[in-house]
C-alpha atoms as a PDB file:
ATOM      1  CA  MET A   1     -29.962  -6.857  21.257  1.00  0.00           C
ATOM      2  CA  VAL A   2     -26.471  -8.390  21.347  1.00  0.00           C
ATOM      3  CA  PHE A   3     -26.608  -8.563  17.521  1.00  0.00           C
ATOM      4  CA  LEU A   4     -27.567  -4.625  17.407  1.00  0.00           C
ATOM      5  CA  VAL A   5     -24.717  -3.932  19.689  1.00  0.00           C
ATOM      6  CA  PHE A   6     -22.219  -6.061  17.596  1.00  0.00           C
ATOM      7  CA  LEU A   7     -23.347  -4.024  14.348  1.00  0.00           C
ATOM      8  CA  GLY A   8     -22.861  -0.880  16.351  1.00  0.00           C
ATOM      9  CA  MET A   9     -19.389  -1.704  17.227  1.00  0.00           C
ATOM     10  CA  VAL A  10     -18.290  -2.674  13.875  1.00  0.00           C
ATOM     11  CA  GLY A  11     -19.911   0.590  12.311  1.00  0.00           C
ATOM     12  CA  ILE A  12     -17.974   2.797  14.816  1.00  0.00           C
ATOM     13  CA  LYS A  13     -14.811   0.848  13.945  1.00  0.00           C
ATOM     14  CA  ILE A  14     -15.250   1.090  10.177  1.00  0.00           C
ATOM     15  CA  LEU A  15     -16.105   4.885  10.501  1.00  0.00           C
ATOM     16  CA  VAL A  16     -13.090   5.718  12.837  1.00  0.00           C
ATOM     17  CA  VAL A  17     -10.500   3.553  10.508  1.00  0.00           C
ATOM     18  CA  PHE A  18     -11.980   5.280   7.262  1.00  0.00           C
ATOM     19  CA  SER A  19     -11.913   8.479   8.902  1.00  0.00           C
ATOM     20  CA  VAL A  20      -8.493   8.108  10.039  1.00  0.00           C
ATOM     21  CA  VAL A  21      -7.058   6.716   7.153  1.00  0.00           C
ATOM     22  CA  MET A  22      -8.423   9.442   4.781  1.00  0.00           C
ATOM     23  CA  ILE A  23      -6.917  12.031   6.826  1.00  0.00           C
ATOM     24  CA  ILE A  24      -3.575  10.296   6.760  1.00  0.00           C
ATOM     25  CA  VAL A  25      -3.811   9.849   2.948  1.00  0.00           C
ATOM     26  CA  ALA A  26      -4.493  13.565   2.506  1.00  0.00           C
ATOM     27  CA  TRP A  27      -1.707  14.627   4.541  1.00  0.00           C
ATOM     28  CA  SER A  28       0.837  12.279   3.341  1.00  0.00           C
ATOM     29  CA  THR A  29       0.795  13.946  -0.022  1.00  0.00           C
ATOM     30  CA  TRP A  30       1.909  17.033   2.304  1.00  0.00           C
ATOM     31  CA  LEU A  31       4.543  15.032   3.670  1.00  0.00           C
ATOM     32  CA  GLU A  32       5.692  13.763   0.823  1.00  0.00           C
ATOM     33  CA  ARG A  33       6.210  17.119  -1.179  1.00  0.00           C
ATOM     34  CA  ARG A  34       7.851  18.944   1.726  1.00  0.00           C
ATOM     35  CA  LEU A  35      10.233  15.856   2.442  1.00  0.00           C
ATOM     36  CA  LEU A  36      11.278  15.795  -1.079  1.00  0.00           C
ATOM     37  CA  GLY A  37      11.758  19.587  -1.116  1.00  0.00           C
ATOM     38  CA  ALA A  38      13.931  19.377   1.824  1.00  0.00           C
ATOM     39  CA  VAL A  39      16.141  16.671   0.424  1.00  0.00           C
ATOM     40  CA  GLN A  40      16.442  18.457  -3.128  1.00  0.00           C
ATOM     41  CA  LEU A  41      16.949  22.105  -1.400  1.00  0.00           C
ATOM     42  CA  ARG A  42      13.545  23.699  -2.427  1.00  0.00           C
ATOM     43  CA  TYR A  43      10.458  24.700  -0.865  1.00  0.00           C
ATOM     44  CA  GLY A  44       7.492  22.254  -0.911  1.00  0.00           C
ATOM     45  CA  PRO A  45       3.919  23.449  -0.315  1.00  0.00           C
ATOM     46  CA  MET A  46       4.009  26.381   2.387  1.00  0.00           C
ATOM     47  CA  ARG A  47       1.731  29.082   1.356  1.00  0.00           C
ATOM     48  CA  VAL A  48      -1.829  27.705   2.306  1.00  0.00           C
ATOM     49  CA  GLY A  49      -2.038  27.622   6.045  1.00  0.00           C
ATOM     50  CA  PHE A  50       0.834  27.288   8.511  1.00  0.00           C
ATOM     51  CA  GLN A  51       3.754  25.497   6.831  1.00  0.00           C
ATOM     52  CA  GLY A  52       1.300  24.513   4.131  1.00  0.00           C
ATOM     53  CA  LEU A  53      -0.653  22.335   6.097  1.00  0.00           C
ATOM     54  CA  LEU A  54      -3.891  23.195   4.520  1.00  0.00           C
ATOM     55  CA  GLN A  55      -2.439  22.232   1.189  1.00  0.00           C
ATOM     56  CA  PRO A  56      -4.429  18.987   0.811  1.00  0.00           C
ATOM     57  CA  ILE A  57      -7.591  20.738   1.651  1.00  0.00           C
ATOM     58  CA  ALA A  58      -6.747  23.127  -1.177  1.00  0.00           C
ATOM     59  CA  ASP A  59      -6.032  20.416  -3.542  1.00  0.00           C
ATOM     60  CA  GLY A  60      -9.447  18.662  -2.902  1.00  0.00           C
ATOM     61  CA  ILE A  61     -11.248  21.631  -3.357  1.00  0.00           C
ATOM     62  CA  LYS A  62      -9.408  22.209  -6.687  1.00  0.00           C
ATOM     63  CA  SER A  63     -10.087  18.573  -7.728  1.00  0.00           C
ATOM     64  CA  PHE A  64     -13.810  19.227  -7.212  1.00  0.00           C
ATOM     65  CA  MET A  65     -13.890  22.324  -9.358  1.00  0.00           C
ATOM     66  CA  LYS A  66     -11.898  20.998 -12.358  1.00  0.00           C
ATOM     67  CA  GLU A  67     -13.682  20.141 -15.709  1.00  0.00           C
ATOM     68  CA  GLU A  68     -14.759  16.513 -16.125  1.00  0.00           C
ATOM     69  CA  THR A  69     -13.371  14.944 -19.243  1.00  0.00           C
ATOM     70  CA  LEU A  70     -14.320  11.809 -20.938  1.00  0.00           C
ATOM     71  CA  PRO A  71     -12.373  10.864 -24.059  1.00  0.00           C
ATOM     72  CA  GLU A  72     -14.358  10.457 -27.443  1.00  0.00           C
ATOM     73  CA  ASN A  73     -12.682   6.939 -28.026  1.00  0.00           C
ATOM     74  CA  ALA A  74     -12.936   5.616 -24.354  1.00  0.00           C
ATOM     75  CA  ASP A  75     -14.810   2.688 -23.107  1.00  0.00           C
ATOM     76  CA  LYS A  76     -16.967   4.972 -20.952  1.00  0.00           C
ATOM     77  CA  THR A  77     -18.103   2.209 -18.202  1.00  0.00           C
ATOM     78  CA  LEU A  78     -14.603   0.981 -17.659  1.00  0.00           C
ATOM     79  CA  PHE A  79     -13.013   4.400 -18.005  1.00  0.00           C
ATOM     80  CA  ILE A  80     -15.278   5.451 -15.092  1.00  0.00           C
ATOM     81  CA  LEU A  81     -14.774   2.172 -13.077  1.00  0.00           C
ATOM     82  CA  ALA A  82     -10.978   1.718 -13.112  1.00  0.00           C
ATOM     83  CA  PRO A  83     -10.329   4.557 -10.370  1.00  0.00           C
ATOM     84  CA  ILE A  84     -13.165   3.292  -8.153  1.00  0.00           C
ATOM     85  CA  ILE A  85     -11.726  -0.296  -8.360  1.00  0.00           C
ATOM     86  CA  SER A  86      -8.089   1.238  -7.279  1.00  0.00           C
ATOM     87  CA  ILE A  87      -9.732   2.990  -4.209  1.00  0.00           C
ATOM     88  CA  SER A  88     -12.054   0.260  -3.279  1.00  0.00           C
ATOM     89  CA  THR A  89      -9.392  -2.390  -3.190  1.00  0.00           C
ATOM     90  CA  ALA A  90      -6.880  -0.160  -1.155  1.00  0.00           C
ATOM     91  CA  LEU A  91      -9.784   0.352   1.666  1.00  0.00           C
ATOM     92  CA  THR A  92     -10.687  -3.273   1.514  1.00  0.00           C
ATOM     93  CA  LEU A  93      -7.440  -4.093   2.528  1.00  0.00           C
ATOM     94  CA  LEU A  94      -8.058  -2.239   5.857  1.00  0.00           C
ATOM     95  CA  VAL A  95     -10.467  -4.830   6.798  1.00  0.00           C
ATOM     96  CA  VAL A  96      -7.814  -7.316   8.315  1.00  0.00           C
ATOM     97  CA  ILE A  97      -5.053  -4.789   9.496  1.00  0.00           C
ATOM     98  CA  PRO A  98      -4.611  -5.360  13.250  1.00  0.00           C
ATOM     99  CA  PHE A  99      -3.831  -1.747  14.693  1.00  0.00           C
ATOM    100  CA  GLY A 100      -3.315  -2.739  18.388  1.00  0.00           C
ATOM    101  CA  ARG A 101      -4.082  -5.192  21.045  1.00  0.00           C
ATOM    102  CA  PRO A 102      -7.613  -5.332  22.076  1.00  0.00           C
ATOM    103  CA  VAL A 103      -9.036  -2.792  24.676  1.00  0.00           C
ATOM    104  CA  THR A 104     -11.698  -2.571  27.006  1.00  0.00           C
ATOM    105  CA  ILE A 105     -14.244  -0.011  26.909  1.00  0.00           C
ATOM    106  CA  MET A 106     -17.139   0.387  29.560  1.00  0.00           C
ATOM    107  CA  GLY A 107     -16.607  -3.203  30.394  1.00  0.00           C
ATOM    108  CA  THR A 108     -16.725  -4.465  26.737  1.00  0.00           C
ATOM    109  CA  GLU A 109     -13.518  -5.726  24.977  1.00  0.00           C
ATOM    110  CA  MET A 110     -13.018  -4.375  21.650  1.00  0.00           C
ATOM    111  CA  THR A 111     -10.508  -5.450  19.224  1.00  0.00           C
ATOM    112  CA  MET A 112      -8.349  -2.954  17.085  1.00  0.00           C
ATOM    113  CA  TYR A 113      -9.040  -4.766  13.938  1.00  0.00           C
ATOM    114  CA  LEU A 114     -12.462  -5.188  11.802  1.00  0.00           C
ATOM    115  CA  ALA A 115     -11.755  -8.814  11.208  1.00  0.00           C
ATOM    116  CA  ASP A 116      -9.220 -11.512  12.146  1.00  0.00           C
ATOM    117  CA  LEU A 117      -9.659 -13.896   9.053  1.00  0.00           C
ATOM    118  CA  GLU A 118      -7.817 -17.292   9.511  1.00  0.00           C
ATOM    119  CA  ILE A 119      -6.653 -16.730   6.037  1.00  0.00           C
ATOM    120  CA  GLY A 120      -5.966 -13.063   6.227  1.00  0.00           C
ATOM    121  CA  ILE A 121      -2.693 -13.078   4.528  1.00  0.00           C
ATOM    122  CA  LEU A 122      -4.392 -14.757   1.709  1.00  0.00           C
ATOM    123  CA  PHE A 123      -7.229 -12.230   1.397  1.00  0.00           C
ATOM    124  CA  VAL A 124      -4.501  -9.515   1.437  1.00  0.00           C
ATOM    125  CA  LEU A 125      -2.732 -11.114  -1.570  1.00  0.00           C
ATOM    126  CA  GLY A 126      -5.917 -11.767  -3.287  1.00  0.00           C
ATOM    127  CA  ILE A 127      -7.403  -8.313  -2.961  1.00  0.00           C
ATOM    128  CA  ALA A 128      -3.908  -6.737  -3.915  1.00  0.00           C
ATOM    129  CA  THR A 129      -3.803  -8.402  -7.155  1.00  0.00           C
ATOM    130  CA  LEU A 130      -7.332  -7.404  -8.010  1.00  0.00           C
ATOM    131  CA  GLY A 131      -6.100  -3.786  -7.602  1.00  0.00           C
ATOM    132  CA  SER A 132      -3.809  -4.026 -10.595  1.00  0.00           C
ATOM    133  CA  TYR A 133      -6.766  -3.965 -12.691  1.00  0.00           C
ATOM    134  CA  GLY A 134      -7.605  -0.381 -11.929  1.00  0.00           C
ATOM    135  CA  ALA A 135      -4.304   0.702 -13.751  1.00  0.00           C
ATOM    136  CA  MET A 136      -4.826  -1.672 -16.393  1.00  0.00           C
ATOM    137  CA  LEU A 137      -8.553  -0.852 -17.092  1.00  0.00           C
ATOM    138  CA  GLY A 138      -7.610   2.734 -16.624  1.00  0.00           C
ATOM    139  CA  GLY A 139      -5.087   2.754 -19.431  1.00  0.00           C
ATOM    140  CA  TRP A 140      -6.862   0.544 -21.876  1.00  0.00           C
ATOM    141  CA  SER A 141     -10.036   2.135 -21.527  1.00  0.00           C
ATOM    142  CA  SER A 142      -9.038   5.637 -22.175  1.00  0.00           C
ATOM    143  CA  GLY A 143      -8.490   5.049 -25.784  1.00  0.00           C
ATOM    144  CA  ASN A 144      -5.044   6.788 -25.652  1.00  0.00           C
ATOM    145  CA  LYS A 145      -1.785   4.939 -26.848  1.00  0.00           C
ATOM    146  CA  TYR A 146       0.258   6.299 -24.158  1.00  0.00           C
ATOM    147  CA  GLY A 147      -2.277   5.343 -21.452  1.00  0.00           C
ATOM    148  CA  MET A 148      -2.502   1.591 -23.134  1.00  0.00           C
ATOM    149  CA  ILE A 149       1.244   1.294 -22.940  1.00  0.00           C
ATOM    150  CA  GLY A 150       1.189   2.470 -19.091  1.00  0.00           C
ATOM    151  CA  GLY A 151      -1.581  -0.130 -18.436  1.00  0.00           C
ATOM    152  CA  LEU A 152       0.347  -2.876 -20.336  1.00  0.00           C
ATOM    153  CA  ARG A 153       3.354  -1.844 -18.223  1.00  0.00           C
ATOM    154  CA  ALA A 154       1.648  -2.004 -14.958  1.00  0.00           C
ATOM    155  CA  SER A 155      -0.181  -5.337 -15.685  1.00  0.00           C
ATOM    156  CA  ALA A 156       3.456  -7.052 -16.589  1.00  0.00           C
ATOM    157  CA  GLN A 157       5.321  -5.308 -13.553  1.00  0.00           C
ATOM    158  CA  MET A 158       2.456  -6.104 -11.065  1.00  0.00           C
ATOM    159  CA  ILE A 159       2.266  -9.915 -12.008  1.00  0.00           C
ATOM    160  CA  SER A 160       5.986 -10.385 -12.094  1.00  0.00           C
ATOM    161  CA  TYR A 161       6.617  -8.666  -8.519  1.00  0.00           C
ATOM    162  CA  GLU A 162       3.581 -10.427  -6.969  1.00  0.00           C
ATOM    163  CA  LEU A 163       5.279 -13.691  -7.387  1.00  0.00           C
ATOM    164  CA  SER A 164       8.434 -12.801  -5.581  1.00  0.00           C
ATOM    165  CA  MET A 165       6.220 -11.173  -2.794  1.00  0.00           C
ATOM    166  CA  ALA A 166       4.058 -14.190  -2.328  1.00  0.00           C
ATOM    167  CA  LEU A 167       7.383 -16.278  -1.686  1.00  0.00           C
ATOM    168  CA  ALA A 168       8.531 -13.948   0.688  1.00  0.00           C
ATOM    169  CA  VAL A 169       5.033 -14.165   2.695  1.00  0.00           C
ATOM    170  CA  ILE A 170       5.307 -17.901   2.370  1.00  0.00           C
ATOM    171  CA  SER A 171       8.609 -17.846   4.552  1.00  0.00           C
ATOM    172  CA  ILE A 172       6.729 -15.880   7.126  1.00  0.00           C
ATOM    173  CA  ILE A 173       3.948 -18.165   7.198  1.00  0.00           C
ATOM    174  CA  MET A 174       6.356 -21.180   7.662  1.00  0.00           C
ATOM    175  CA  ILE A 175       8.024 -19.717  10.690  1.00  0.00           C
ATOM    176  CA  SER A 176       4.722 -18.398  12.114  1.00  0.00           C
ATOM    177  CA  GLY A 177       2.629 -21.161  11.699  1.00  0.00           C
ATOM    178  CA  SER A 178      -0.454 -19.111  10.925  1.00  0.00           C
ATOM    179  CA  LEU A 179      -2.130 -17.340   8.131  1.00  0.00           C
ATOM    180  CA  SER A 180      -3.926 -15.143  10.399  1.00  0.00           C
ATOM    181  CA  LEU A 181      -2.411 -11.498  10.837  1.00  0.00           C
ATOM    182  CA  VAL A 182      -2.950 -11.176  14.153  1.00  0.00           C
ATOM    183  CA  GLY A 183      -1.379 -14.728  14.817  1.00  0.00           C
ATOM    184  CA  ILE A 184       1.712 -13.613  12.881  1.00  0.00           C
ATOM    185  CA  VAL A 185       1.887 -10.448  15.094  1.00  0.00           C
ATOM    186  CA  GLU A 186       1.528 -12.396  18.345  1.00  0.00           C
ATOM    187  CA  SER A 187       4.362 -15.019  17.098  1.00  0.00           C
ATOM    188  CA  GLN A 188       6.668 -12.001  16.957  1.00  0.00           C
ATOM    189  CA  ILE A 189       5.599 -10.779  20.520  1.00  0.00           C
ATOM    190  CA  GLU A 190       7.083 -14.268  21.686  1.00  0.00           C
ATOM    191  CA  GLY A 191      10.356 -13.976  20.030  1.00  0.00           C
ATOM    192  CA  LEU A 192      12.533 -11.996  17.578  1.00  0.00           C
ATOM    193  CA  TRP A 193      10.708  -9.992  14.951  1.00  0.00           C
ATOM    194  CA  ASN A 194      10.591 -11.295  11.686  1.00  0.00           C
ATOM    195  CA  CYS A 195      12.902  -8.777  10.108  1.00  0.00           C
ATOM    196  CA  LEU A 196      15.449 -10.451  12.149  1.00  0.00           C
ATOM    197  CA  ARG A 197      14.319 -14.143  11.621  1.00  0.00           C
ATOM    198  CA  GLN A 198      13.861 -13.461   7.800  1.00  0.00           C
ATOM    199  CA  PRO A 199      15.950 -10.576   6.750  1.00  0.00           C
ATOM    200  CA  LEU A 200      16.014 -11.797   3.151  1.00  0.00           C
ATOM    201  CA  ALA A 201      12.346 -12.080   2.949  1.00  0.00           C
ATOM    202  CA  PHE A 202      12.072  -8.579   4.504  1.00  0.00           C
ATOM    203  CA  VAL A 203      14.164  -7.212   1.727  1.00  0.00           C
ATOM    204  CA  LEU A 204      12.359  -8.989  -0.957  1.00  0.00           C
ATOM    205  CA  PHE A 205       9.016  -7.960   0.206  1.00  0.00           C
ATOM    206  CA  PHE A 206      10.065  -4.208   0.483  1.00  0.00           C
ATOM    207  CA  ILE A 207      11.407  -4.351  -2.956  1.00  0.00           C
ATOM    208  CA  CYS A 208       8.335  -6.157  -4.450  1.00  0.00           C
ATOM    209  CA  GLY A 209       5.762  -3.743  -2.492  1.00  0.00           C
ATOM    210  CA  LEU A 210       7.658  -0.696  -3.942  1.00  0.00           C
ATOM    211  CA  ALA A 211       7.101  -2.182  -7.398  1.00  0.00           C
ATOM    212  CA  GLU A 212       3.680  -3.103  -6.678  1.00  0.00           C
ATOM    213  CA  LEU A 213       2.960   0.715  -5.512  1.00  0.00           C
ATOM    214  CA  ASN A 214       4.520   1.912  -8.951  1.00  0.00           C
ATOM    215  CA  ARG A 215       6.945   3.717  -6.421  1.00  0.00           C
ATOM    216  CA  THR A 216      10.336   5.188  -7.802  1.00  0.00           C
ATOM    217  CA  PRO A 217      12.375   3.594  -9.024  1.00  0.00           C
ATOM    218  CA  PHE A 218       9.549   1.316 -10.406  1.00  0.00           C
ATOM    219  CA  ASP A 219       7.026   4.115 -11.645  1.00  0.00           C
ATOM    220  CA  LEU A 220       7.422   2.934 -15.203  1.00  0.00           C
ATOM    221  CA  PRO A 221       3.492   2.672 -15.525  1.00  0.00           C
ATOM    222  CA  GLU A 222       3.323   6.500 -15.029  1.00  0.00           C
ATOM    223  CA  ALA A 223       6.750   7.732 -16.358  1.00  0.00           C
ATOM    224  CA  GLU A 224       6.064  11.221 -17.243  1.00  0.00           C
ATOM    225  CA  ALA A 225       8.932  11.723 -19.540  1.00  0.00           C
ATOM    226  CA  GLU A 226       8.038   8.898 -21.764  1.00  0.00           C
ATOM    227  CA  LEU A 227       4.237   8.571 -21.397  1.00  0.00           C
ATOM    228  CA  ALA A 228       2.926  11.908 -20.417  1.00  0.00           C
ATOM    229  CA  CYS A 229       1.689  10.243 -16.942  1.00  0.00           C
ATOM    230  CA  GLY A 230       0.734   6.709 -18.407  1.00  0.00           C
ATOM    231  CA  TYR A 231      -2.128   4.961 -17.438  1.00  0.00           C
ATOM    232  CA  ASN A 232      -4.003   8.028 -16.161  1.00  0.00           C
ATOM    233  CA  VAL A 233      -3.053  10.490 -18.635  1.00  0.00           C
ATOM    234  CA  GLU A 234      -6.694  11.049 -20.008  1.00  0.00           C
ATOM    235  CA  TYR A 235      -8.146  11.304 -16.362  1.00  0.00           C
ATOM    236  CA  SER A 236      -8.989  14.675 -14.877  1.00  0.00           C
ATOM    237  CA  SER A 237     -10.905  16.231 -11.821  1.00  0.00           C
ATOM    238  CA  MET A 238     -12.255  13.500  -8.919  1.00  0.00           C
ATOM    239  CA  LYS A 239     -11.489  10.648 -11.182  1.00  0.00           C
ATOM    240  CA  PHE A 240      -7.763  11.517 -11.309  1.00  0.00           C
ATOM    241  CA  SER A 241      -7.855  12.400  -7.646  1.00  0.00           C
ATOM    242  CA  LEU A 242      -9.323   8.806  -7.051  1.00  0.00           C
ATOM    243  CA  PHE A 243      -6.188   7.207  -8.575  1.00  0.00           C
ATOM    244  CA  PHE A 244      -3.791   9.589  -6.455  1.00  0.00           C
ATOM    245  CA  MET A 245      -5.866   8.877  -3.335  1.00  0.00           C
ATOM    246  CA  ALA A 246      -5.530   5.157  -3.986  1.00  0.00           C
ATOM    247  CA  GLU A 247      -1.778   5.399  -4.398  1.00  0.00           C
ATOM    248  CA  TYR A 248      -1.125   6.804  -1.030  1.00  0.00           C
ATOM    249  CA  CYS A 249      -3.764   4.549   0.453  1.00  0.00           C
ATOM    250  CA  HIS A 250      -1.922   1.468  -0.816  1.00  0.00           C
ATOM    251  CA  LEU A 251       1.239   3.294   0.402  1.00  0.00           C
ATOM    252  CA  PHE A 252      -0.208   3.432   4.112  1.00  0.00           C
ATOM    253  CA  VAL A 253      -1.481  -0.211   3.682  1.00  0.00           C
ATOM    254  CA  PHE A 254       1.991  -1.185   2.626  1.00  0.00           C
ATOM    255  CA  GLY A 255       3.639   0.405   5.682  1.00  0.00           C
ATOM    256  CA  ALA A 256       0.840  -1.356   7.739  1.00  0.00           C
ATOM    257  CA  LEU A 257       1.797  -4.879   6.307  1.00  0.00           C
ATOM    258  CA  VAL A 258       5.387  -4.303   6.764  1.00  0.00           C
ATOM    259  CA  THR A 259       4.748  -3.486  10.357  1.00  0.00           C
ATOM    260  CA  THR A 260       2.572  -6.497  10.756  1.00  0.00           C
ATOM    261  CA  LEU A 261       4.515  -9.148   8.902  1.00  0.00           C
ATOM    262  CA  PHE A 262       8.135  -7.963   9.999  1.00  0.00           C
ATOM    263  CA  LEU A 263       8.351  -5.351  12.651  1.00  0.00           C
ATOM    264  CA  GLY A 264       6.198  -6.878  15.490  1.00  0.00           C
ATOM    265  CA  GLY A 265       2.923  -5.038  14.664  1.00  0.00           C
ATOM    266  CA  TRP A 266       1.641  -3.179  17.716  1.00  0.00           C
ATOM    267  CA  HIS A 267       4.372  -4.673  20.019  1.00  0.00           C
ATOM    268  CA  GLY A 268       6.522  -2.120  21.960  1.00  0.00           C
ATOM    269  CA  PRO A 269       7.414  -0.853  25.367  1.00  0.00           C
ATOM    270  CA  VAL A 270       5.662   1.749  27.547  1.00  0.00           C
ATOM    271  CA  LEU A 271       3.497   3.385  24.974  1.00  0.00           C
ATOM    272  CA  PRO A 272       0.011   1.891  23.708  1.00  0.00           C
ATOM    273  CA  GLY A 273      -0.016  -0.636  21.113  1.00  0.00           C
ATOM    274  CA  VAL A 274      -1.761   1.503  18.556  1.00  0.00           C
ATOM    275  CA  VAL A 275       0.906   4.003  19.130  1.00  0.00           C
ATOM    276  CA  TRP A 276       3.698   1.757  18.182  1.00  0.00           C
ATOM    277  CA  PHE A 277       1.717   0.493  15.152  1.00  0.00           C
ATOM    278  CA  PHE A 278       1.594   4.042  13.730  1.00  0.00           C
ATOM    279  CA  ILE A 279       5.127   4.700  14.798  1.00  0.00           C
ATOM    280  CA  LYS A 280       6.480   2.021  12.930  1.00  0.00           C
ATOM    281  CA  THR A 281       3.948   2.402   9.757  1.00  0.00           C
ATOM    282  CA  PHE A 282       4.938   6.093   9.408  1.00  0.00           C
ATOM    283  CA  GLY A 283       8.648   5.078   9.503  1.00  0.00           C
ATOM    284  CA  VAL A 284       8.169   2.935   6.723  1.00  0.00           C
ATOM    285  CA  ILE A 285       6.123   5.525   4.903  1.00  0.00           C
ATOM    286  CA  PHE A 286       9.097   7.892   5.445  1.00  0.00           C
ATOM    287  CA  PHE A 287      11.548   5.323   4.197  1.00  0.00           C
ATOM    288  CA  CYS A 288       9.602   5.207   0.805  1.00  0.00           C
ATOM    289  CA  ILE A 289       9.427   8.997   0.322  1.00  0.00           C
ATOM    290  CA  TRP A 290      13.372   9.048   1.168  1.00  0.00           C
ATOM    291  CA  GLU A 291      14.005   6.469  -1.373  1.00  0.00           C
ATOM    292  CA  ARG A 292      12.040   8.267  -4.084  1.00  0.00           C
ATOM    293  CA  ALA A 293      14.392  11.143  -3.786  1.00  0.00           C
ATOM    294  CA  THR A 294      17.415   8.763  -3.842  1.00  0.00           C
ATOM    295  CA  PHE A 295      17.150   6.289  -6.785  1.00  0.00           C
ATOM    296  CA  PRO A 296      16.754   7.052 -10.604  1.00  0.00           C
ATOM    297  CA  ARG A 297      14.175   5.181 -12.314  1.00  0.00           C
ATOM    298  CA  PHE A 298      15.294   1.874 -13.967  1.00  0.00           C
ATOM    299  CA  ARG A 299      14.669   1.071 -17.659  1.00  0.00           C
ATOM    300  CA  TYR A 300      11.779  -1.434 -18.215  1.00  0.00           C
ATOM    301  CA  ASP A 301      13.969  -4.198 -19.239  1.00  0.00           C
ATOM    302  CA  GLN A 302      16.054  -3.588 -15.900  1.00  0.00           C
ATOM    303  CA  LEU A 303      12.971  -3.838 -13.883  1.00  0.00           C
ATOM    304  CA  MET A 304      11.708  -7.116 -15.424  1.00  0.00           C
ATOM    305  CA  ALA A 305      15.214  -8.585 -15.268  1.00  0.00           C
ATOM    306  CA  LEU A 306      15.437  -7.801 -11.513  1.00  0.00           C
ATOM    307  CA  GLY A 307      11.940  -9.132 -10.919  1.00  0.00           C
ATOM    308  CA  TRP A 308      12.493 -12.667 -12.723  1.00  0.00           C
ATOM    309  CA  LYS A 309      16.346 -13.139 -12.571  1.00  0.00           C
ATOM    310  CA  VAL A 310      17.126 -11.865  -9.182  1.00  0.00           C
ATOM    311  CA  LEU A 311      14.196 -11.777  -7.072  1.00  0.00           C
ATOM    312  CA  LEU A 312      12.063 -14.885  -7.785  1.00  0.00           C
ATOM    313  CA  PRO A 313      15.113 -17.032  -7.531  1.00  0.00           C
ATOM    314  CA  LEU A 314      15.981 -15.737  -4.154  1.00  0.00           C
ATOM    315  CA  GLY A 315      12.518 -15.951  -2.912  1.00  0.00           C
ATOM    316  CA  LEU A 316      12.686 -19.653  -3.886  1.00  0.00           C
ATOM    317  CA  ALA A 317      16.012 -20.338  -2.408  1.00  0.00           C
ATOM    318  CA  ASN A 318      14.935 -18.499   1.033  1.00  0.00           C
ATOM    319  CA  ILE A 319      12.003 -20.860   1.115  1.00  0.00           C
ATOM    320  CA  VAL A 320      14.284 -23.789   0.887  1.00  0.00           C
ATOM    321  CA  ILE A 321      16.635 -22.707   3.395  1.00  0.00           C
ATOM    322  CA  THR A 322      13.962 -21.763   5.711  1.00  0.00           C
ATOM    323  CA  GLY A 323      12.516 -25.272   5.335  1.00  0.00           C
ATOM    324  CA  LEU A 324      16.060 -26.930   5.989  1.00  0.00           C
ATOM    325  CA  VAL A 325      16.274 -24.882   9.179  1.00  0.00           C
ATOM    326  CA  MET A 326      13.026 -25.512  10.569  1.00  0.00           C
ATOM    327  CA  LEU A 327      13.612 -29.371   9.736  1.00  0.00           C
ATOM    328  CA  VAL A 328      17.007 -29.381  11.539  1.00  0.00           C
END
């Protein structure tokens, strides 16, 4: 009986997290288009529903109704599998995200996360690495030269920036003394947030996260002006939409990770912890949209030079400095 109750609670949490995140993903597209429109002095979507709020629903219906295409030279199995890998890895990362402090419902304590793994941060880095296979395989399997170049750019970019991101995370592990995301949040509740204790790691993680997300100015794998949409150029209908949904799901996960690792997680005064978590996460998402309207795209040699010649040495230096300070 206890086991059935446990399964029921886990099932409810999975359903709630999946539903909430899918709603956030859908309306993040509306938010980005409206914010970019405001910055660029133009209208975003505004005709479907009040202020265009129903535009994501219209986009979803349009995706279902569009014709499915399959290039003649494509590797059909990998071509179909690539967008599934992208969205699956993004959703899997939600398993270890702590959304708030435990709450008591009908005398039963319920945690605000699906799992508290002792190696949670290693789980995040591992699954995020697998997510890069979606773009790589999508570009290679399409049988399109522009798509293949986009896939190659994606693989080189993600491998390069994952190293610096991991170095930034190592410094957080050192000062927190834990690989658990819940443990990292609790270490910040007892003291300063990690963005204040590790400002360089915070900046490094943020920049590397933007590169991992293929966000401007690091959107070279998609570069419409050069590659006609890059690795997903041959995709249509819901297969293209899965790539699109995966991008915004990864954006939400990135905001959640920045909140968890550097901004104190659910910690905050007066309001419930889960409310503070989403306020901070949406603040990070807002900044990601804002910087897209601010910075121009790098050249590819500039992008790689930044990763290997600037961020990687800074990450190594930050670990050494952190170790020396802890030793002293």
